[in-house]
Amino acid sequence: MDKVIIDGNSLTLIDIINVARNNYTVELSQEATERVIKSRDLVNKFVDEERVVYGITTGFGKFSDVVITKEESMLLQRNLIISHACGVGNTLDEEIVRAIMLLRANALAKGFSGIRLSTLEKLIQILNNGVHPVIPEKGSLGASGDLAPLSHMVLVLLGEGEAIYKGQRLAGKEAMKKAGIGTIELTSKEGLALINGTQVMTAIGAITIYDAINLSKMADITASLTMEALSGIITPFDEKVHIARPHRGQINTAKNMLNLLKGSQMTTTQGQVRVQDAYTLRCIPQIHGASKDAIEYVIDKINIEINSATDNPLIFKETEEVISGGNFHGQPMALSFDFLSIALAELANVSERRLERLVNPALSQLPAFLVEKGGLNSGFMIVQYSAASLVSENKVLAHPSSVDSIPSSANQEDHVSMGTIGARKAKEILENTRKVLAMELLAACQAIDIRGKKGLGAGSDIAYELVRKVTDKITDDKIMYNEINKCEDLIKSNKIVYKVEERIGKLK
């Protein structure tokens, strides 16, 4: 069976996708097992000695100065979970919940958290057995970590809350029983170890960034078809232009465009039909490339975060220290996800402008709204309306969440990241952007059919043929959302990207 072995240090983005979407099982490495045991031994020592240590023998947040006795420690941990489970709103997708559990387990595997091995193994067990806690999407400040949503994850381990098991939404206790898994009682430090971290925002962001990588490639493919539909000039994609301003995303996008359009009979060169194209065609490398550079930046930050200890306090067994710090603060992720939101919104922004050029006869030299019996038929008129609506919505969503902070816990936690809101917004923007690209894709193929398909590029031809397997040229008005949805499903499946890369090589 396919599996991912976690050790706290080497988890990858592909590992996350394989566990979240492909149901790979998770196994703890032997080295991680030993670290977890040693860390727990130190916690037990401090409890036995009744040392005053935050989160182990004290309350939390504003209550950090309240000392908790050894006898009260189990009740303290239970109270922490049930009182902090304050999430509201729609529930997170099951794939995100799986990613959350994986990331939390990997963080605990680093051996800085003081959790019992048996508790960590129980978390891995429910993940492997498909018990998916019901986690509301709203309620996290992104510091002290994702307290509210992670508490909903832990409720199920206690036999509380709710979970999805084999497609059924059940009480947590019932889901555990059906899966043949026993519930647990938490002891000192464990509740805090399970909920004080950035795993919810990071899980949402990791899945979003994976989809963003492929969506940025799809933006290039879609743009190549629009270039052909509008007799676009390929001269600005010349490598010399981009070496003169060597941003990596820009250089890569220009290469992609030339490879996609190689051999095309429908593009032009500088001066052949006109001297210059509008920016949305001429500046595809600069615009798409900047978004790709932003995506690369976020990937780097996510790769650090998914292999980090993000709870508090951290236990350093070698020196027998417990240090109360701030690794739970989501600011590095919050800024990254705001950046990602803007980068994705721009892909939609430029796509909608290309769509406008396709449907506007003053700009395209094509029939108005890409329909041959205009007036009787509206063609793609409202497709552009819908795209414009999504782009406008993205502009609202792209407002950075990280610039806001509301103090909490009686001002003990007086600056928070709002990073989980940022991650959720980035995901929503990605979904809107995918829809806009689907609209451009459909319109570009329609425009190519109207112009007369004279021979497409090596990569764009593959995309065109895949679109035409699920849609037809529109001659008379039909229900358009069905056609848009077919194109979106095609994009979402990544089939176009994979098939194009099989033919012309990896897109960057």
Protein backbone atom coordinates (compact mmCIF):
# COMPACT_ATOMS: atom_id res chain seq x y z
CA MET A 1 0.00 0.00 0.00
CA ASP A 2 1.22 3.51 -0.80
CA LYS A 3 2.39 5.31 2.32
CA VAL A 4 4.19 8.38 3.59
CA ILE A 5 6.69 8.02 6.44
CA ILE A 6 6.83 11.12 8.63
CA ASP A 7 9.83 12.16 10.69
CA GLY A 8 9.08 15.85 11.28
CA ASN A 9 11.74 17.04 8.86
CA SER A 10 11.22 15.76 5.32
CA LEU A 11 7.54 16.08 4.43
CA THR A 12 6.93 17.41 0.91
CA LEU A 13 4.10 19.10 -0.91
CA ILE A 14 3.58 15.95 -2.98
CA ASP A 15 3.37 13.90 0.24
CA ILE A 16 0.57 16.18 1.43
CA ILE A 17 -1.36 15.78 -1.82
CA ASN A 18 -0.89 12.01 -1.77
CA VAL A 19 -2.26 11.73 1.76
CA ALA A 20 -5.01 14.34 1.32
CA ARG A 21 -6.27 13.32 -2.13
CA ASN A 22 -4.90 9.87 -2.86
CA ASN A 23 -5.44 8.35 0.60
CA TYR A 24 -1.86 7.31 1.19
CA THR A 25 -1.38 5.92 4.70
CA VAL A 26 0.94 7.58 7.21
CA GLU A 27 3.62 5.91 9.31
CA LEU A 28 5.88 7.35 12.01
CA SER A 29 9.62 6.83 11.52
CA GLN A 30 11.65 5.04 14.17
CA GLU A 31 13.78 8.13 14.79
CA ALA A 32 10.67 10.24 15.36
CA THR A 33 9.25 7.62 17.71
CA GLU A 34 12.36 7.81 19.87
CA ARG A 35 12.30 11.61 19.93
CA VAL A 36 8.64 11.69 20.98
CA ILE A 37 9.26 9.23 23.84
CA LYS A 38 12.24 11.21 25.17
CA SER A 39 10.32 14.47 25.00
CA ARG A 40 7.42 12.95 26.91
CA ASP A 41 9.74 11.59 29.58
CA LEU A 42 10.85 15.16 30.30
CA VAL A 43 7.24 16.35 30.63
CA ASN A 44 6.54 13.54 33.09
CA LYS A 45 9.60 14.55 35.09
CA PHE A 46 8.42 18.17 35.35
CA VAL A 47 4.93 17.08 36.38
CA ASP A 48 6.29 14.75 39.04
CA GLU A 49 8.52 17.55 40.38
CA GLU A 50 5.55 19.96 40.23
CA ARG A 51 7.61 22.59 38.43
CA VAL A 52 5.76 25.68 37.28
CA VAL A 53 5.93 25.39 33.49
CA TYR A 54 3.56 27.14 31.10
CA GLY A 55 1.04 24.80 29.52
CA ILE A 56 2.15 21.85 31.62
CA THR A 57 1.39 22.94 35.16
CA THR A 58 -0.32 26.27 34.44
CA GLY A 59 -3.39 27.56 32.68
CA PHE A 60 -3.30 29.10 29.22
CA GLY A 61 -3.10 32.60 27.75
CA LYS A 62 -4.19 35.11 30.36
CA PHE A 63 -4.41 32.23 32.85
CA SER A 64 -0.71 31.41 32.52
CA ASP A 65 -0.18 32.53 36.12
CA VAL A 66 -2.70 29.99 37.47
CA VAL A 67 -0.89 26.89 38.75
CA ILE A 68 -2.57 23.53 38.05
CA THR A 69 -1.97 20.52 40.28
CA LYS A 70 -0.94 17.10 39.02
CA GLU A 71 -4.37 15.76 39.91
CA GLU A 72 -6.10 18.45 37.82
CA SER A 73 -3.92 18.02 34.71
CA MET A 74 -6.23 15.63 32.86
CA LEU A 75 -9.29 17.79 33.46
CA LEU A 76 -7.29 20.85 32.37
CA GLN A 77 -6.48 19.27 29.00
CA ARG A 78 -10.06 18.16 28.39
CA ASN A 79 -11.38 21.58 29.35
CA LEU A 80 -8.90 23.19 26.98
CA ILE A 81 -10.27 21.23 24.02
CA ILE A 82 -13.99 21.51 24.73
CA SER A 83 -13.79 25.23 25.57
CA HIS A 84 -11.66 26.07 22.53
CA ALA A 85 -13.87 24.24 20.01
CA CYS A 86 -15.59 27.45 18.93
CA GLY A 87 -15.40 27.11 15.15
CA VAL A 88 -18.31 28.31 13.04
CA GLY A 89 -19.38 28.35 9.40
CA ASN A 90 -19.15 25.77 6.66
CA THR A 91 -17.01 22.71 7.26
CA LEU A 92 -13.61 22.25 5.69
CA ASP A 93 -13.32 19.76 2.82
CA GLU A 94 -12.28 16.26 3.82
CA GLU A 95 -9.03 16.57 1.82
CA ILE A 96 -8.10 19.64 3.86
CA VAL A 97 -8.95 17.84 7.10
CA ARG A 98 -6.67 14.98 6.07
CA ALA A 99 -3.90 17.46 5.33
CA ILE A 100 -4.42 19.11 8.72
CA MET A 101 -4.07 15.81 10.58
CA LEU A 102 -0.97 14.91 8.58
CA LEU A 103 0.70 18.28 9.24
CA ARG A 104 -0.12 18.18 12.94
CA ALA A 105 1.27 14.65 13.24
CA ASN A 106 4.43 15.67 11.40
CA ALA A 107 4.96 18.66 13.68
CA LEU A 108 4.53 16.46 16.76
CA ALA A 109 6.98 13.95 15.27
CA LYS A 110 9.77 16.52 15.65
CA GLY A 111 9.84 15.75 19.36
CA PHE A 112 9.49 19.29 20.72
CA SER A 113 5.89 18.97 21.94
CA GLY A 114 5.90 16.50 24.82
CA ILE A 115 2.93 14.46 23.61
CA ARG A 116 2.62 10.77 24.48
CA LEU A 117 3.52 8.42 21.65
CA SER A 118 0.18 6.66 22.07
CA THR A 119 -1.70 9.92 21.51
CA LEU A 120 0.25 10.75 18.37
CA GLU A 121 -0.32 7.21 17.09
CA LYS A 122 -4.06 7.62 17.73
CA LEU A 123 -4.13 10.76 15.57
CA ILE A 124 -2.34 8.86 12.79
CA GLN A 125 -4.73 5.93 13.23
CA ILE A 126 -7.88 7.99 12.64
CA LEU A 127 -6.25 9.56 9.58
CA ASN A 128 -5.34 6.16 8.14
CA ASN A 129 -8.80 4.77 8.85
CA GLY A 130 -10.67 7.62 7.21
CA VAL A 131 -12.23 9.16 10.31
CA HIS A 132 -12.36 12.81 9.30
CA PRO A 133 -13.29 15.26 12.07
CA VAL A 134 -15.86 17.87 11.12
CA ILE A 135 -13.95 21.16 11.33
CA PRO A 136 -15.73 24.49 10.80
CA GLU A 137 -13.73 26.79 8.53
CA LYS A 138 -14.03 29.99 10.59
CA GLY A 139 -12.88 30.97 14.06
CA SER A 140 -9.08 31.08 13.96
CA LEU A 141 -6.98 34.20 14.54
CA GLY A 142 -3.85 32.48 13.25
CA ALA A 143 -2.11 33.02 16.62
CA SER A 144 -1.89 31.24 19.08
CA GLY A 145 -2.04 28.96 16.13
CA ASP A 146 -5.31 27.56 14.81
CA LEU A 147 -6.79 26.93 18.24
CA ALA A 148 -10.50 26.71 17.42
CA PRO A 149 -10.39 24.50 14.30
CA LEU A 150 -7.70 22.20 15.70
CA SER A 151 -9.82 21.73 18.83
CA HIS A 152 -12.59 20.33 16.63
CA MET A 153 -10.05 17.83 15.28
CA VAL A 154 -9.14 16.72 18.80
CA LEU A 155 -12.75 16.44 19.98
CA VAL A 156 -13.16 13.28 17.92
CA LEU A 157 -10.18 11.64 19.64
CA LEU A 158 -12.04 12.24 22.91
CA GLY A 159 -15.26 10.73 21.54
CA GLU A 160 -16.84 14.16 21.20
CA GLY A 161 -17.68 16.42 18.28
CA GLU A 162 -18.53 15.03 14.85
CA ALA A 163 -16.73 13.17 12.09
CA ILE A 164 -17.27 11.98 8.55
CA TYR A 165 -16.74 8.24 8.23
CA LYS A 166 -17.40 6.42 4.96
CA GLY A 167 -19.51 9.31 3.71
CA GLN A 168 -21.66 9.57 6.84
CA ARG A 169 -21.64 12.47 9.27
CA LEU A 170 -21.68 10.92 12.71
CA ALA A 171 -21.15 11.84 16.33
CA GLY A 172 -17.45 11.56 17.10
CA LYS A 173 -17.94 8.64 19.49
CA GLU A 174 -20.02 6.74 16.93
CA ALA A 175 -17.50 7.34 14.14
CA MET A 176 -14.68 6.04 16.33
CA LYS A 177 -16.74 2.99 17.28
CA LYS A 178 -17.61 2.16 13.65
CA ALA A 179 -13.93 2.48 12.72
CA GLY A 180 -12.97 0.19 15.60
CA ILE A 181 -10.81 2.83 17.27
CA GLY A 182 -10.84 3.55 21.00
CA THR A 183 -11.10 7.10 22.33
CA ILE A 184 -8.46 8.65 24.59
CA GLU A 185 -8.07 10.83 27.65
CA LEU A 186 -5.49 13.57 27.33
CA THR A 187 -2.94 14.22 30.03
CA SER A 188 -0.52 17.02 30.84
CA LYS A 189 0.60 19.19 27.89
CA GLU A 190 -1.20 17.05 25.29
CA GLY A 191 -4.19 19.27 24.57
CA LEU A 192 -1.96 22.25 23.98
CA ALA A 193 0.44 20.16 21.88
CA LEU A 194 -2.42 19.15 19.59
CA ILE A 195 -4.06 22.54 19.02
CA ASN A 196 -1.34 25.18 19.32
CA GLY A 197 0.01 25.37 15.76
CA THR A 198 -0.47 26.70 12.24
CA GLN A 199 -1.58 23.45 10.61
CA VAL A 200 -5.04 24.58 9.48
CA MET A 201 -3.84 27.63 7.59
CA THR A 202 -0.86 25.69 6.24
CA ALA A 203 -2.98 22.74 5.08
CA ILE A 204 -5.38 25.03 3.21
CA GLY A 205 -2.46 26.97 1.77
CA ALA A 206 -0.51 23.85 0.77
CA ILE A 207 -3.39 22.39 -1.23
CA THR A 208 -4.07 25.80 -2.76
CA ILE A 209 -0.45 26.30 -3.80
CA TYR A 210 -0.32 22.85 -5.40
CA ASP A 211 -3.37 23.74 -7.48
CA ALA A 212 -1.90 27.18 -8.20
CA ILE A 213 1.19 25.63 -9.80
CA ASN A 214 -0.94 23.81 -12.36
CA LEU A 215 -3.33 26.73 -12.77
CA SER A 216 -0.44 29.04 -13.67
CA LYS A 217 0.53 26.58 -16.41
CA MET A 218 -3.08 26.49 -17.56
CA ALA A 219 -3.05 30.28 -17.78
CA ASP A 220 -0.22 30.05 -20.32
CA ILE A 221 -2.02 27.36 -22.32
CA THR A 222 -5.25 29.35 -22.40
CA ALA A 223 -3.39 32.51 -23.38
CA SER A 224 -1.73 30.65 -26.26
CA LEU A 225 -5.14 29.81 -27.72
CA THR A 226 -6.24 33.43 -27.37
CA MET A 227 -3.05 34.50 -29.14
CA GLU A 228 -4.05 32.33 -32.08
CA ALA A 229 -7.66 33.48 -32.00
CA LEU A 230 -6.47 37.11 -32.27
CA SER A 231 -3.51 36.65 -34.67
CA GLY A 232 -1.22 37.57 -31.81
CA ILE A 233 2.39 38.66 -32.36
CA ILE A 234 4.92 36.17 -30.96
CA THR A 235 7.99 38.40 -31.46
CA PRO A 236 7.77 39.84 -27.89
CA PHE A 237 8.35 36.32 -26.55
CA ASP A 238 11.86 36.24 -28.02
CA GLU A 239 14.33 35.04 -25.38
CA LYS A 240 16.58 38.09 -25.87
CA VAL A 241 13.82 40.37 -24.55
CA HIS A 242 13.53 38.43 -21.31
CA ILE A 243 17.22 37.86 -20.69
CA ALA A 244 17.44 41.65 -20.70
CA ARG A 245 15.17 41.61 -17.64
CA PRO A 246 15.89 38.22 -16.12
CA HIS A 247 13.02 37.54 -13.74
CA ARG A 248 12.73 33.76 -13.68
CA GLY A 249 8.95 33.62 -14.02
CA GLN A 250 9.03 35.99 -16.96
CA ILE A 251 11.74 34.01 -18.77
CA ASN A 252 9.93 30.72 -18.16
CA THR A 253 6.58 32.06 -19.34
CA ALA A 254 8.07 33.37 -22.58
CA LYS A 255 9.61 29.94 -23.21
CA ASN A 256 6.27 28.30 -22.49
CA MET A 257 4.47 30.54 -24.96
CA LEU A 258 6.96 29.86 -27.75
CA ASN A 259 6.82 26.11 -27.10
CA LEU A 260 3.04 26.07 -26.96
CA LEU A 261 2.77 28.06 -30.20
CA LYS A 262 5.56 26.30 -32.07
CA GLY A 263 4.49 25.66 -35.64
CA SER A 264 1.29 27.66 -35.38
CA GLN A 265 -0.15 29.01 -38.62
CA MET A 266 -2.43 31.44 -36.75
CA THR A 267 0.04 33.73 -35.00
CA THR A 268 1.99 36.58 -36.57
CA THR A 269 5.31 38.36 -36.21
CA GLN A 270 6.06 42.01 -35.54
CA GLY A 271 4.92 44.17 -38.48
CA GLN A 272 3.27 41.32 -40.36
CA VAL A 273 -0.28 42.46 -39.53
CA ARG A 274 0.37 45.17 -36.94
CA VAL A 275 3.35 46.56 -35.10
CA GLN A 276 2.23 45.87 -31.49
CA ASP A 277 -0.38 43.93 -29.55
CA ALA A 278 -2.17 45.23 -26.48
CA TYR A 279 -0.53 44.56 -23.13
CA THR A 280 -2.73 41.55 -22.29
CA LEU A 281 -1.12 39.71 -25.21
CA ARG A 282 2.29 41.34 -25.47
CA CYS A 283 3.00 41.28 -21.73
CA ILE A 284 1.87 37.72 -20.95
CA PRO A 285 5.42 36.77 -19.81
CA GLN A 286 5.69 39.79 -17.53
CA ILE A 287 2.20 39.39 -16.01
CA HIS A 288 2.00 35.60 -15.68
CA GLY A 289 5.68 35.46 -14.79
CA ALA A 290 5.28 37.78 -11.82
CA SER A 291 2.50 35.56 -10.46
CA LYS A 292 4.72 32.50 -10.91
CA ASP A 293 7.53 34.17 -8.98
CA ALA A 294 5.06 34.89 -6.16
CA ILE A 295 3.94 31.25 -6.22
CA GLU A 296 7.58 30.12 -5.92
CA TYR A 297 8.06 32.39 -2.92
CA VAL A 298 5.03 30.89 -1.19
CA ILE A 299 6.16 27.32 -1.98
CA ASP A 300 9.45 28.06 -0.22
CA LYS A 301 7.65 29.33 2.90
CA ILE A 302 5.25 26.37 2.94
CA ASN A 303 8.13 23.90 2.66
CA ILE A 304 9.64 25.45 5.79
CA GLU A 305 6.37 25.55 7.71
CA ILE A 306 5.28 21.95 7.05
CA ASN A 307 8.47 20.69 8.72
CA SER A 308 8.47 23.10 11.67
CA ALA A 309 7.52 22.89 15.34
CA THR A 310 4.83 25.53 15.74
CA ASP A 311 3.41 24.95 19.20
CA ASN A 312 4.22 26.43 22.59
CA PRO A 313 6.01 25.81 24.85
CA LEU A 314 8.77 23.86 23.10
CA ILE A 315 10.60 21.12 24.96
CA PHE A 316 14.34 20.78 24.48
CA LYS A 317 15.23 17.41 25.96
CA GLU A 318 19.01 17.73 25.55
CA THR A 319 19.18 20.75 27.87
CA GLU A 320 16.02 19.88 29.86
CA GLU A 321 14.54 23.27 29.00
CA VAL A 322 10.97 24.27 28.30
CA ILE A 323 10.87 27.59 26.44
CA SER A 324 7.69 29.55 25.93
CA GLY A 325 8.07 31.30 22.58
CA GLY A 326 5.95 32.31 19.62
CA ASN A 327 6.32 29.72 16.85
CA PHE A 328 2.53 29.39 16.78
CA HIS A 329 2.29 32.90 15.31
CA GLY A 330 1.11 32.59 11.72
CA GLN A 331 2.65 35.79 10.37
CA PRO A 332 5.09 34.10 7.94
CA MET A 333 2.17 32.19 6.43
CA ALA A 334 -0.26 35.10 6.64
CA LEU A 335 1.92 37.37 4.51
CA SER A 336 2.62 34.51 2.10
CA PHE A 337 -1.05 33.71 1.57
CA ASP A 338 -1.94 37.35 1.05
CA PHE A 339 0.79 37.46 -1.61
CA LEU A 340 -0.62 34.28 -3.17
CA SER A 341 -4.11 35.81 -3.23
CA ILE A 342 -2.88 38.82 -5.18
CA ALA A 343 -0.85 36.68 -7.59
CA LEU A 344 -3.82 34.44 -8.39
CA ALA A 345 -6.19 37.37 -8.69
CA GLU A 346 -3.93 38.87 -11.34
CA LEU A 347 -4.12 35.70 -13.45
CA ALA A 348 -7.89 36.12 -13.49
CA ASN A 349 -7.61 39.86 -14.08
CA VAL A 350 -5.56 39.51 -17.25
CA SER A 351 -7.60 36.52 -18.43
CA GLU A 352 -10.83 38.53 -18.29
CA ARG A 353 -9.20 41.33 -20.30
CA ARG A 354 -8.19 38.81 -22.98
CA LEU A 355 -11.75 37.50 -22.94
CA GLU A 356 -13.00 41.05 -23.52
CA ARG A 357 -10.71 41.33 -26.54
CA LEU A 358 -12.18 38.12 -27.93
CA VAL A 359 -15.83 39.21 -27.62
CA ASN A 360 -15.46 42.89 -28.52
CA PRO A 361 -15.59 43.37 -32.33
CA ALA A 362 -13.81 46.71 -32.04
CA LEU A 363 -10.78 44.87 -30.67
CA SER A 364 -10.91 41.46 -32.34
CA GLN A 365 -12.10 41.76 -35.95
CA LEU A 366 -14.37 38.86 -35.02
CA PRO A 367 -18.20 38.84 -34.85
CA ALA A 368 -19.61 40.57 -31.79
CA PHE A 369 -19.69 38.21 -28.80
CA LEU A 370 -18.35 35.39 -30.97
CA VAL A 371 -21.68 34.47 -32.53
CA GLU A 372 -22.50 34.62 -36.23
CA LYS A 373 -26.19 35.56 -35.89
CA GLY A 374 -25.78 38.46 -33.47
CA GLY A 375 -28.95 40.10 -32.22
CA LEU A 376 -30.97 36.92 -32.43
CA ASN A 377 -28.19 35.29 -30.40
CA SER A 378 -26.23 36.82 -27.51
CA GLY A 379 -23.35 34.38 -27.78
CA PHE A 380 -20.59 35.04 -25.26
CA MET A 381 -21.93 38.42 -24.11
CA ILE A 382 -22.81 37.34 -20.57
CA VAL A 383 -19.83 35.03 -20.28
CA GLN A 384 -17.74 38.18 -20.10
CA TYR A 385 -20.15 39.66 -17.54
CA SER A 386 -19.70 36.61 -15.34
CA ALA A 387 -15.92 36.75 -15.67
CA ALA A 388 -15.92 40.45 -14.78
CA SER A 389 -18.01 39.66 -11.69
CA LEU A 390 -15.51 37.05 -10.52
CA VAL A 391 -12.57 39.36 -11.14
CA SER A 392 -14.25 42.11 -9.14
CA GLU A 393 -14.95 39.67 -6.32
CA ASN A 394 -11.31 38.62 -6.35
CA LYS A 395 -10.26 42.23 -5.92
CA VAL A 396 -12.30 42.39 -2.71
CA LEU A 397 -10.95 39.04 -1.50
CA ALA A 398 -7.37 40.04 -2.29
CA HIS A 399 -7.40 42.71 0.40
CA PRO A 400 -4.69 41.45 2.76
CA SER A 401 -5.99 39.85 5.94
CA SER A 402 -2.57 40.11 7.59
CA VAL A 403 -2.79 43.88 7.94
CA ASP A 404 -5.55 43.42 10.51
CA SER A 405 -5.13 42.34 14.11
CA ILE A 406 -7.59 42.20 17.01
CA PRO A 407 -6.08 41.58 20.46
CA SER A 408 -7.32 38.50 22.30
CA SER A 409 -7.00 36.72 25.66
CA ALA A 410 -7.35 39.93 27.66
CA ASN A 411 -4.57 41.56 25.60
CA GLN A 412 -2.04 38.85 26.44
CA GLU A 413 -2.21 37.89 22.77
CA ASP A 414 -2.15 41.43 21.45
CA HIS A 415 -1.09 40.84 17.84
CA VAL A 416 -2.51 38.05 15.72
CA SER A 417 -1.89 37.09 12.08
CA MET A 418 -5.32 36.31 10.61
CA GLY A 419 -3.36 33.86 8.45
CA THR A 420 -6.14 31.28 8.29
CA ILE A 421 -8.47 33.85 6.79
CA GLY A 422 -5.70 34.63 4.28
CA ALA A 423 -5.37 30.95 3.34
CA ARG A 424 -9.12 30.55 2.90
CA LYS A 425 -9.27 33.68 0.74
CA ALA A 426 -6.43 32.43 -1.45
CA LYS A 427 -8.32 29.17 -2.00
CA GLU A 428 -11.49 31.04 -2.93
CA ILE A 429 -9.60 33.31 -5.33
CA LEU A 430 -8.01 30.26 -6.96
CA GLU A 431 -11.46 28.76 -7.53
CA ASN A 432 -12.72 32.02 -9.07
CA THR A 433 -9.63 32.28 -11.24
CA ARG A 434 -10.10 28.74 -12.52
CA LYS A 435 -13.63 29.69 -13.60
CA VAL A 436 -12.42 32.81 -15.43
CA LEU A 437 -9.77 30.78 -17.27
CA ALA A 438 -12.47 28.27 -18.22
CA MET A 439 -14.45 31.10 -19.79
CA GLU A 440 -11.46 32.38 -21.73
CA LEU A 441 -10.62 28.84 -22.84
CA LEU A 442 -14.13 28.27 -24.18
CA ALA A 443 -14.19 31.66 -25.91
CA ALA A 444 -10.74 31.20 -27.48
CA CYS A 445 -11.75 27.88 -29.02
CA GLN A 446 -14.95 29.47 -30.34
CA ALA A 447 -12.96 32.33 -31.87
CA ILE A 448 -10.53 29.89 -33.49
CA ASP A 449 -13.45 28.04 -35.09
CA ILE A 450 -14.91 31.31 -36.39
CA ARG A 451 -11.55 32.39 -37.83
CA GLY A 452 -11.03 29.00 -39.37
CA LYS A 453 -8.59 26.58 -37.77
CA LYS A 454 -5.53 26.81 -40.00
CA GLY A 455 -3.07 24.88 -37.87
CA LEU A 456 -2.48 25.44 -34.18
CA GLY A 457 0.72 25.28 -32.18
CA ALA A 458 2.29 22.10 -30.84
CA GLY A 459 0.80 22.62 -27.38
CA SER A 460 -2.26 24.74 -28.06
CA ASP A 461 -3.59 22.19 -30.55
CA ILE A 462 -3.73 19.54 -27.81
CA ALA A 463 -5.66 21.89 -25.53
CA TYR A 464 -8.08 22.78 -28.33
CA GLU A 465 -8.78 19.13 -29.13
CA LEU A 466 -9.44 18.27 -25.48
CA VAL A 467 -11.87 21.18 -25.16
CA ARG A 468 -13.65 20.12 -28.33
CA LYS A 469 -14.08 16.60 -26.97
CA VAL A 470 -16.44 17.99 -24.34
CA THR A 471 -17.87 21.06 -26.09
CA ASP A 472 -18.95 22.06 -29.61
CA LYS A 473 -18.74 25.27 -31.56
CA ILE A 474 -21.73 27.41 -30.60
CA THR A 475 -23.80 28.47 -33.60
CA ASP A 476 -27.06 29.21 -31.80
CA ASP A 477 -27.54 30.25 -28.18
CA LYS A 478 -27.49 27.44 -25.66
CA ILE A 479 -27.32 27.17 -21.87
CA MET A 480 -23.83 28.53 -21.35
CA TYR A 481 -23.08 27.55 -17.77
CA ASN A 482 -23.00 23.90 -18.82
CA GLU A 483 -20.26 24.66 -21.34
CA ILE A 484 -18.31 26.75 -18.84
CA ASN A 485 -18.55 23.97 -16.25
CA LYS A 486 -17.24 21.41 -18.73
CA CYS A 487 -14.18 23.56 -19.34
CA GLU A 488 -13.68 24.17 -15.64
CA ASP A 489 -13.86 20.43 -14.92
CA LEU A 490 -11.26 19.88 -17.63
CA ILE A 491 -8.95 22.46 -16.05
CA LYS A 492 -9.54 21.07 -12.56
CA SER A 493 -8.61 17.55 -13.69
CA ASN A 494 -5.23 18.89 -14.94
CA LYS A 495 -5.74 16.72 -18.03
CA ILE A 496 -4.86 19.56 -20.40
CA VAL A 497 -1.63 20.38 -18.56
CA TYR A 498 -0.56 16.74 -18.40
CA LYS A 499 -1.32 16.03 -22.07
CA VAL A 500 0.41 19.20 -23.25
CA GLU A 501 3.50 18.38 -21.17
CA GLU A 502 3.57 14.87 -22.64
CA ARG A 503 3.84 16.43 -26.10
CA ILE A 504 6.08 19.47 -25.66
CA GLY A 505 7.86 18.89 -22.35
CA LYS A 506 7.46 20.31 -18.87
CA LEU A 507 5.91 23.77 -18.59
CA LYS A 508 7.48 26.10 -16.06
